[in-house]
Amino acid sequence: MIAEADARTPGTRFEVHDIDTSHFPNAAGMAQFVEVLDKVGQSLS
């Protein structure tokens, strides 16, 4: 789906982040999630 969306909007490509956790993350998974959110936030400013 991401490749299809990228093809339709070439000027605004998606960036995919993988987090090694289940749908109900433990503390380590939440830490990874926060790191991804921090990275995304920094890229916007």
C-alpha atoms as a PDB file:
ATOM      1  CA  MET A   1       0.000   0.000   0.000  1.00  0.00           C
ATOM      2  CA  ILE A   2       2.845   2.383   0.765  1.00  0.00           C
ATOM      3  CA  ALA A   3       4.449   1.853  -2.635  1.00  0.00           C
ATOM      4  CA  GLU A   4       1.119   2.585  -4.296  1.00  0.00           C
ATOM      5  CA  ALA A   5       0.622   5.739  -2.221  1.00  0.00           C
ATOM      6  CA  ASP A   6       4.178   6.884  -3.010  1.00  0.00           C
ATOM      7  CA  ALA A   7       3.513   6.375  -6.730  1.00  0.00           C
ATOM      8  CA  ARG A   8       0.395   8.537  -6.521  1.00  0.00           C
ATOM      9  CA  THR A   9       2.062  11.304  -4.480  1.00  0.00           C
ATOM     10  CA  PRO A  10       5.722  11.407  -5.585  1.00  0.00           C
ATOM     11  CA  GLY A  11       6.356  14.728  -3.824  1.00  0.00           C
ATOM     12  CA  THR A  12       5.308  13.392  -0.422  1.00  0.00           C
ATOM     13  CA  ARG A  13       6.765   9.939   0.040  1.00  0.00           C
ATOM     14  CA  PHE A  14       6.028   7.899   3.150  1.00  0.00           C
ATOM     15  CA  GLU A  15       8.760   6.940   5.599  1.00  0.00           C
ATOM     16  CA  VAL A  16       8.265   3.536   7.233  1.00  0.00           C
ATOM     17  CA  HIS A  17       9.440   2.780  10.760  1.00  0.00           C
ATOM     18  CA  ASP A  18       9.463  -0.748  12.169  1.00  0.00           C
ATOM     19  CA  ILE A  19       9.108  -1.385  15.883  1.00  0.00           C
ATOM     20  CA  ASP A  20       9.898  -4.850  17.235  1.00  0.00           C
ATOM     21  CA  THR A  21       6.796  -5.355  19.402  1.00  0.00           C
ATOM     22  CA  SER A  22       3.300  -6.800  19.417  1.00  0.00           C
ATOM     23  CA  HIS A  23       0.048  -4.829  19.238  1.00  0.00           C
ATOM     24  CA  PHE A  24       0.335  -4.392  23.009  1.00  0.00           C
ATOM     25  CA  PRO A  25       3.928  -3.161  23.487  1.00  0.00           C
ATOM     26  CA  ASN A  26       5.907  -3.598  26.656  1.00  0.00           C
ATOM     27  CA  ALA A  27       8.160  -0.864  28.099  1.00  0.00           C
ATOM     28  CA  ALA A  28      10.915  -1.544  25.557  1.00  0.00           C
ATOM     29  CA  GLY A  29       8.428  -1.318  22.697  1.00  0.00           C
ATOM     30  CA  MET A  30       7.057   1.948  24.030  1.00  0.00           C
ATOM     31  CA  ALA A  31      10.602   3.334  24.228  1.00  0.00           C
ATOM     32  CA  GLN A  32      11.123   2.462  20.552  1.00  0.00           C
ATOM     33  CA  PHE A  33       7.790   4.100  19.700  1.00  0.00           C
ATOM     34  CA  VAL A  34       8.786   7.287  21.516  1.00  0.00           C
ATOM     35  CA  GLU A  35      12.118   7.316  19.643  1.00  0.00           C
ATOM     36  CA  VAL A  36      10.275   7.126  16.311  1.00  0.00           C
ATOM     37  CA  LEU A  37       7.883   9.906  17.319  1.00  0.00           C
ATOM     38  CA  ASP A  38      10.813  12.056  18.448  1.00  0.00           C
ATOM     39  CA  LYS A  39      12.598  11.497  15.117  1.00  0.00           C
ATOM     40  CA  VAL A  40       9.471  12.403  13.162  1.00  0.00           C
ATOM     41  CA  GLY A  41       8.915  15.494  15.284  1.00  0.00           C
ATOM     42  CA  GLN A  42      12.492  16.658  14.803  1.00  0.00           C
ATOM     43  CA  SER A  43      12.202  16.231  11.036  1.00  0.00           C
ATOM     44  CA  LEU A  44       9.181  18.544  10.973  1.00  0.00           C
ATOM     45  CA  SER A  45      10.848  21.424  12.775  1.00  0.00           C
END
